[in-house]
PDB file of N, CA and C in Angstrom:
ATOM      1  N   MET A   1     116.229 145.448  94.684  1.00  0.00           N
ATOM      2  CA  MET A   1     116.966 144.415  95.361  1.00  0.00           C
ATOM      3  C   MET A   1     116.611 144.439  96.849  1.00  0.00           C
ATOM      4  N   ASP A   2     116.175 143.313  97.365  1.00  0.00           N
ATOM      5  CA  ASP A   2     115.883 143.211  98.788  1.00  0.00           C
ATOM      6  C   ASP A   2     117.179 143.011  99.559  1.00  0.00           C
ATOM      7  N   THR A   3     117.153 143.449 100.800  1.00  0.00           N
ATOM      8  CA  THR A   3     118.320 143.274 101.649  1.00  0.00           C
ATOM      9  C   THR A   3     117.861 142.935 103.055  1.00  0.00           C
ATOM     10  N   THR A   4     118.756 142.453 103.836  1.00  0.00           N
ATOM     11  CA  THR A   4     118.468 142.121 105.221  1.00  0.00           C
ATOM     12  C   THR A   4     119.211 143.101 106.119  1.00  0.00           C
ATOM     13  N   ILE A   5     118.541 143.522 107.191  1.00  0.00           N
ATOM     14  CA  ILE A   5     119.200 144.405 108.149  1.00  0.00           C
ATOM     15  C   ILE A   5     119.121 143.777 109.529  1.00  0.00           C
ATOM     16  N   GLN A   6     120.014 144.170 110.395  1.00  0.00           N
ATOM     17  CA  GLN A   6     119.982 143.695 111.773  1.00  0.00           C
ATOM     18  C   GLN A   6     119.435 144.800 112.655  1.00  0.00           C
ATOM     19  N   ILE A   7     118.522 144.418 113.533  1.00  0.00           N
ATOM     20  CA  ILE A   7     117.974 145.370 114.502  1.00  0.00           C
ATOM     21  C   ILE A   7     118.047 144.730 115.881  1.00  0.00           C
ATOM     22  N   SER A   8     118.055 145.564 116.870  1.00  0.00           N
ATOM     23  CA  SER A   8     118.114 145.069 118.243  1.00  0.00           C
ATOM     24  C   SER A   8     116.755 144.501 118.652  1.00  0.00           C
ATOM     25  N   LYS A   9     116.745 143.699 119.685  1.00  0.00           N
ATOM     26  CA  LYS A   9     115.496 143.156 120.228  1.00  0.00           C
ATOM     27  C   LYS A   9     114.593 144.293 120.717  1.00  0.00           C
ATOM     28  N   LYS A  10     115.220 145.320 121.272  1.00  0.00           N
ATOM     29  CA  LYS A  10     114.454 146.476 121.764  1.00  0.00           C
ATOM     30  C   LYS A  10     113.709 147.155 120.616  1.00  0.00           C
ATOM     31  N   LEU A  11     114.396 147.367 119.486  1.00  0.00           N
ATOM     32  CA  LEU A  11     113.747 147.980 118.328  1.00  0.00           C
ATOM     33  C   LEU A  11     112.670 147.065 117.767  1.00  0.00           C
ATOM     34  N   GLN A  12     112.936 145.784 117.742  1.00  0.00           N
ATOM     35  CA  GLN A  12     111.943 144.837 117.244  1.00  0.00           C
ATOM     36  C   GLN A  12     110.663 144.909 118.080  1.00  0.00           C
ATOM     37  N   LYS A  13     110.805 145.001 119.390  1.00  0.00           N
ATOM     38  CA  LYS A  13     109.638 145.123 120.270  1.00  0.00           C
ATOM     39  C   LYS A  13     108.866 146.403 119.988  1.00  0.00           C
ATOM     40  N   GLU A  14     109.599 147.498 119.739  1.00  0.00           N
ATOM     41  CA  GLU A  14     108.939 148.773 119.416  1.00  0.00           C
ATOM     42  C   GLU A  14     108.180 148.682 118.093  1.00  0.00           C
ATOM     43  N   LEU A  15     108.796 148.053 117.106  1.00  0.00           N
ATOM     44  CA  LEU A  15     108.133 147.891 115.812  1.00  0.00           C
ATOM     45  C   LEU A  15     106.885 147.023 115.943  1.00  0.00           C
ATOM     46  N   LEU A  16     106.973 145.991 116.750  1.00  0.00           N
ATOM     47  CA  LEU A  16     105.804 145.124 116.975  1.00  0.00           C
ATOM     48  C   LEU A  16     104.641 145.909 117.585  1.00  0.00           C
ATOM     49  N   LYS A  17     104.943 146.834 118.475  1.00  0.00           N
ATOM     50  CA  LYS A  17     103.900 147.666 119.094  1.00  0.00           C
ATOM     51  C   LYS A  17     103.189 148.547 118.071  1.00  0.00           C
ATOM     52  N   ARG A  18     103.884 148.895 116.984  1.00  0.00           N
ATOM     53  CA  ARG A  18     103.335 149.811 115.991  1.00  0.00           C
ATOM     54  C   ARG A  18     102.530 149.113 114.904  1.00  0.00           C
ATOM     55  N   LYS A  19     102.467 147.805 114.945  1.00  0.00           N
ATOM     56  CA  LYS A  19     101.717 147.072 113.927  1.00  0.00           C
ATOM     57  C   LYS A  19     100.241 147.435 114.011  1.00  0.00           C
ATOM     58  N   LEU A  20      99.651 147.710 112.858  1.00  0.00           N
ATOM     59  CA  LEU A  20      98.228 148.012 112.795  1.00  0.00           C
ATOM     60  C   LEU A  20      97.412 146.738 112.620  1.00  0.00           C
ATOM     61  N   TYR A  21      98.019 145.719 112.047  1.00  0.00           N
ATOM     62  CA  TYR A  21      97.378 144.419 111.879  1.00  0.00           C
ATOM     63  C   TYR A  21      98.456 143.345 111.929  1.00  0.00           C
ATOM     64  N   ASP A  22      98.057 142.113 112.223  1.00  0.00           N
ATOM     65  CA  ASP A  22      99.008 141.026 112.479  1.00  0.00           C
ATOM     66  C   ASP A  22     100.008 140.776 111.363  1.00  0.00           C
ATOM     67  N   LYS A  23      99.570 140.818 110.116  1.00  0.00           N
ATOM     68  CA  LYS A  23     100.455 140.468 109.005  1.00  0.00           C
ATOM     69  C   LYS A  23     101.229 141.656 108.439  1.00  0.00           C
ATOM     70  N   GLU A  24     101.132 142.806 109.094  1.00  0.00           N
ATOM     71  CA  GLU A  24     101.877 143.979 108.631  1.00  0.00           C
ATOM     72  C   GLU A  24     103.378 143.708 108.762  1.00  0.00           C
ATOM     73  N   THR A  25     104.118 144.032 107.716  1.00  0.00           N
ATOM     74  CA  THR A  25     105.556 143.781 107.724  1.00  0.00           C
ATOM     75  C   THR A  25     106.305 144.930 108.385  1.00  0.00           C
ATOM     76  N   TYR A  26     107.547 144.638 108.768  1.00  0.00           N
ATOM     77  CA  TYR A  26     108.375 145.708 109.319  1.00  0.00           C
ATOM     78  C   TYR A  26     108.591 146.794 108.275  1.00  0.00           C
ATOM     79  N   GLU A  27     108.703 146.408 107.026  1.00  0.00           N
ATOM     80  CA  GLU A  27     108.886 147.409 105.975  1.00  0.00           C
ATOM     81  C   GLU A  27     107.705 148.369 105.926  1.00  0.00           C
ATOM     82  N   GLU A  28     106.494 147.841 106.013  1.00  0.00           N
ATOM     83  CA  GLU A  28     105.307 148.699 106.002  1.00  0.00           C
ATOM     84  C   GLU A  28     105.303 149.646 107.196  1.00  0.00           C
ATOM     85  N   ILE A  29     105.687 149.133 108.348  1.00  0.00           N
ATOM     86  CA  ILE A  29     105.744 149.969 109.552  1.00  0.00           C
ATOM     87  C   ILE A  29     106.758 151.097 109.365  1.00  0.00           C
ATOM     88  N   ILE A  30     107.924 150.753 108.847  1.00  0.00           N
ATOM     89  CA  ILE A  30     108.971 151.756 108.638  1.00  0.00           C
ATOM     90  C   ILE A  30     108.531 152.786 107.606  1.00  0.00           C
ATOM     91  N   TRP A  31     107.909 152.357 106.505  1.00  0.00           N
ATOM     92  CA  TRP A  31     107.422 153.314 105.501  1.00  0.00           C
ATOM     93  C   TRP A  31     106.382 154.256 106.106  1.00  0.00           C
ATOM     94  N   ASP A  32     105.505 153.725 106.951  1.00  0.00           N
ATOM     95  CA  ASP A  32     104.512 154.583 107.613  1.00  0.00           C
ATOM     96  C   ASP A  32     105.184 155.650 108.470  1.00  0.00           C
ATOM     97  N   MET A  33     106.239 155.254 109.176  1.00  0.00           N
ATOM     98  CA  MET A  33     106.954 156.223 110.005  1.00  0.00           C
ATOM     99  C   MET A  33     107.664 157.264 109.148  1.00  0.00           C
ATOM    100  N   ILE A  34     108.240 156.836 108.042  1.00  0.00           N
ATOM    101  CA  ILE A  34     108.912 157.776 107.139  1.00  0.00           C
ATOM    102  C   ILE A  34     107.893 158.741 106.546  1.00  0.00           C
ATOM    103  N   GLU A  35     106.762 158.203 106.129  1.00  0.00           N
ATOM    104  CA  GLU A  35     105.717 159.048 105.537  1.00  0.00           C
ATOM    105  C   GLU A  35     105.239 160.098 106.532  1.00  0.00           C
ATOM    106  N   ASP A  36     105.120 159.706 107.802  1.00  0.00           N
ATOM    107  CA  ASP A  36     104.688 160.647 108.838  1.00  0.00           C
ATOM    108  C   ASP A  36     105.634 161.829 108.980  1.00  0.00           C
ATOM    109  N   SER A  37     106.906 161.631 108.644  1.00  0.00           N
ATOM    110  CA  SER A  37     107.878 162.703 108.818  1.00  0.00           C
ATOM    111  C   SER A  37     108.168 163.470 107.528  1.00  0.00           C
ATOM    112  N   MET A  38     107.559 163.039 106.421  1.00  0.00           N
ATOM    113  CA  MET A  38     107.810 163.709 105.140  1.00  0.00           C
ATOM    114  C   MET A  38     106.979 164.987 105.025  1.00  0.00           C
ATOM    115  N   GLU A  39     107.473 165.900 104.250  1.00  0.00           N
ATOM    116  CA  GLU A  39     106.744 167.135 104.012  1.00  0.00           C
ATOM    117  C   GLU A  39     105.581 166.857 103.067  1.00  0.00           C
ATOM    118  N   LEU A  40     104.483 167.554 103.270  1.00  0.00           N
ATOM    119  CA  LEU A  40     103.325 167.400 102.397  1.00  0.00           C
ATOM    120  C   LEU A  40     103.632 167.958 101.017  1.00  0.00           C
ATOM    121  N   ASN A  41     103.095 167.316  99.983  1.00  0.00           N
ATOM    122  CA  ASN A  41     103.310 167.840  98.635  1.00  0.00           C
ATOM    123  C   ASN A  41     102.394 169.037  98.392  1.00  0.00           C
ATOM    124  N   ASP A  42     102.637 169.759  97.322  1.00  0.00           N
ATOM    125  CA  ASP A  42     101.895 170.991  97.036  1.00  0.00           C
ATOM    126  C   ASP A  42     100.399 170.745  96.873  1.00  0.00           C
ATOM    127  N   GLN A  43     100.022 169.633  96.231  1.00  0.00           N
ATOM    128  CA  GLN A  43      98.607 169.325  96.033  1.00  0.00           C
ATOM    129  C   GLN A  43      97.906 169.127  97.377  1.00  0.00           C
ATOM    130  N   THR A  44      98.533 168.411  98.270  1.00  0.00           N
ATOM    131  CA  THR A  44      97.942 168.173  99.587  1.00  0.00           C
ATOM    132  C   THR A  44      97.824 169.472 100.365  1.00  0.00           C
ATOM    133  N   LYS A  45      98.854 170.306 100.298  1.00  0.00           N
ATOM    134  CA  LYS A  45      98.794 171.612 100.976  1.00  0.00           C
ATOM    135  C   LYS A  45      97.647 172.450 100.436  1.00  0.00           C
ATOM    136  N   LYS A  46      97.441 172.405  99.118  1.00  0.00           N
ATOM    137  CA  LYS A  46      96.354 173.154  98.489  1.00  0.00           C
ATOM    138  C   LYS A  46      94.999 172.642  98.986  1.00  0.00           C
ATOM    139  N   GLU A  47      94.846 171.322  99.031  1.00  0.00           N
ATOM    140  CA  GLU A  47      93.582 170.733  99.481  1.00  0.00           C
ATOM    141  C   GLU A  47      93.300 171.049 100.949  1.00  0.00           C
ATOM    142  N   ILE A  48      94.326 171.069 101.772  1.00  0.00           N
ATOM    143  CA  ILE A  48      94.151 171.423 103.179  1.00  0.00           C
ATOM    144  C   ILE A  48      93.708 172.874 103.302  1.00  0.00           C
ATOM    145  N   ALA A  49      94.325 173.753 102.532  1.00  0.00           N
ATOM    146  CA  ALA A  49      93.954 175.176 102.560  1.00  0.00           C
ATOM    147  C   ALA A  49      92.501 175.355 102.119  1.00  0.00           C
ATOM    148  N   GLU A  50      92.095 174.623 101.082  1.00  0.00           N
ATOM    149  CA  GLU A  50      90.704 174.705 100.606  1.00  0.00           C
ATOM    150  C   GLU A  50      89.735 174.194 101.677  1.00  0.00           C
ATOM    151  N   ALA A  51      90.092 173.100 102.328  1.00  0.00           N
ATOM    152  CA  ALA A  51      89.226 172.546 103.374  1.00  0.00           C
ATOM    153  C   ALA A  51      89.092 173.527 104.532  1.00  0.00           C
ATOM    154  N   ARG A  52      90.194 174.148 104.908  1.00  0.00           N
ATOM    155  CA  ARG A  52      90.140 175.136 105.999  1.00  0.00           C
ATOM    156  C   ARG A  52      89.253 176.315 105.620  1.00  0.00           C
ATOM    157  N   ALA A  53      89.336 176.743 104.363  1.00  0.00           N
ATOM    158  CA  ALA A  53      88.496 177.858 103.893  1.00  0.00           C
ATOM    159  C   ALA A  53      87.022 177.467 103.942  1.00  0.00           C
ATOM    160  N   GLU A  54      86.702 176.222 103.565  1.00  0.00           N
ATOM    161  CA  GLU A  54      85.310 175.758 103.617  1.00  0.00           C
ATOM    162  C   GLU A  54      84.805 175.717 105.055  1.00  0.00           C
ATOM    163  N   ILE A  55      85.646 175.283 105.962  1.00  0.00           N
ATOM    164  CA  ILE A  55      85.257 175.242 107.373  1.00  0.00           C
ATOM    165  C   ILE A  55      85.007 176.658 107.876  1.00  0.00           C
ATOM    166  N   LYS A  56      85.905 177.557 107.537  1.00  0.00           N
ATOM    167  CA  LYS A  56      85.770 178.950 107.983  1.00  0.00           C
ATOM    168  C   LYS A  56      84.506 179.595 107.410  1.00  0.00           C
ATOM    169  N   ALA A  57      84.148 179.202 106.177  1.00  0.00           N
ATOM    170  CA  ALA A  57      82.960 179.755 105.526  1.00  0.00           C
ATOM    171  C   ALA A  57      81.675 179.063 105.991  1.00  0.00           C
ATOM    172  N   GLY A  58      81.808 178.083 106.849  1.00  0.00           N
ATOM    173  CA  GLY A  58      80.632 177.399 107.370  1.00  0.00           C
ATOM    174  C   GLY A  58      80.039 176.370 106.423  1.00  0.00           C
ATOM    175  N   LYS A  59      80.813 175.900 105.490  1.00  0.00           N
ATOM    176  CA  LYS A  59      80.322 174.932 104.504  1.00  0.00           C
ATOM    177  C   LYS A  59      80.491 173.489 104.982  1.00  0.00           C
ATOM    178  N   VAL A  60      80.343 173.267 106.260  1.00  0.00           N
ATOM    179  CA  VAL A  60      80.469 171.927 106.817  1.00  0.00           C
ATOM    180  C   VAL A  60      79.250 171.623 107.679  1.00  0.00           C
ATOM    181  N   HIS A  61      79.031 170.352 107.920  1.00  0.00           N
ATOM    182  CA  HIS A  61      77.917 169.919 108.758  1.00  0.00           C
ATOM    183  C   HIS A  61      78.449 168.943 109.797  1.00  0.00           C
ATOM    184  N   SER A  62      77.952 169.053 110.994  1.00  0.00           N
ATOM    185  CA  SER A  62      78.380 168.132 112.046  1.00  0.00           C
ATOM    186  C   SER A  62      77.763 166.758 111.796  1.00  0.00           C
ATOM    187  N   LEU A  63      78.400 165.742 112.315  1.00  0.00           N
ATOM    188  CA  LEU A  63      77.866 164.402 112.183  1.00  0.00           C
ATOM    189  C   LEU A  63      76.493 164.315 112.839  1.00  0.00           C
ATOM    190  N   ARG A  64      76.341 164.977 113.953  1.00  0.00           N
ATOM    191  CA  ARG A  64      75.045 164.990 114.655  1.00  0.00           C
ATOM    192  C   ARG A  64      73.949 165.545 113.757  1.00  0.00           C
ATOM    193  N   LYS A  65      74.242 166.640 113.064  1.00  0.00           N
ATOM    194  CA  LYS A  65      73.249 167.261 112.186  1.00  0.00           C
ATOM    195  C   LYS A  65      72.909 166.351 111.004  1.00  0.00           C
ATOM    196  N   VAL A  66      73.889 165.741 110.418  1.00  0.00           N
ATOM    197  CA  VAL A  66      73.651 164.844 109.283  1.00  0.00           C
ATOM    198  C   VAL A  66      72.821 163.653 109.718  1.00  0.00           C
ATOM    199  N   LYS A  67      73.157 163.062 110.868  1.00  0.00           N
ATOM    200  CA  LYS A  67      72.382 161.937 111.372  1.00  0.00           C
ATOM    201  C   LYS A  67      70.922 162.333 111.599  1.00  0.00           C
ATOM    202  N   LYS A  68      70.729 163.514 112.138  1.00  0.00           N
ATOM    203  CA  LYS A  68      69.376 163.983 112.404  1.00  0.00           C
ATOM    204  C   LYS A  68      68.603 164.154 111.102  1.00  0.00           C
ATOM    205  N   GLU A  69      69.242 164.756 110.104  1.00  0.00           N
ATOM    206  CA  GLU A  69      68.582 164.958 108.810  1.00  0.00           C
ATOM    207  C   GLU A  69      68.247 163.641 108.118  1.00  0.00           C
ATOM    208  N   LEU A  70      69.058 162.622 108.362  1.00  0.00           N
ATOM    209  CA  LEU A  70      68.859 161.315 107.712  1.00  0.00           C
ATOM    210  C   LEU A  70      68.098 160.343 108.604  1.00  0.00           C
ATOM    211  N   ASP A  71      67.648 160.817 109.749  1.00  0.00           N
ATOM    212  CA  ASP A  71      66.926 159.975 110.718  1.00  0.00           C
ATOM    213  C   ASP A  71      67.723 158.728 111.088  1.00  0.00           C
ATOM    214  N   LEU A  72      68.973 158.920 111.387  1.00  0.00           N
ATOM    215  CA  LEU A  72      69.813 157.786 111.800  1.00  0.00           C
ATOM    216  C   LEU A  72      70.004 157.762 113.290  1.00  0.00           C
TER     217      LEU A  72
END
């Protein structure tokens, strides 16, 4: 069920500043802010730990190195 809420002009201006694209809705902006404050799920935490281990083990390449290898 959709509902309508009232917000102040000041909050509306702040939400407008956070738009990533013109047609982004206030709901999308609010969900993005909520998502930013949510705790990461276990799968994401696991993937971050694995990525950090790969970086520590030197299993990464800089963009500069990749470009050089690909003659870009």
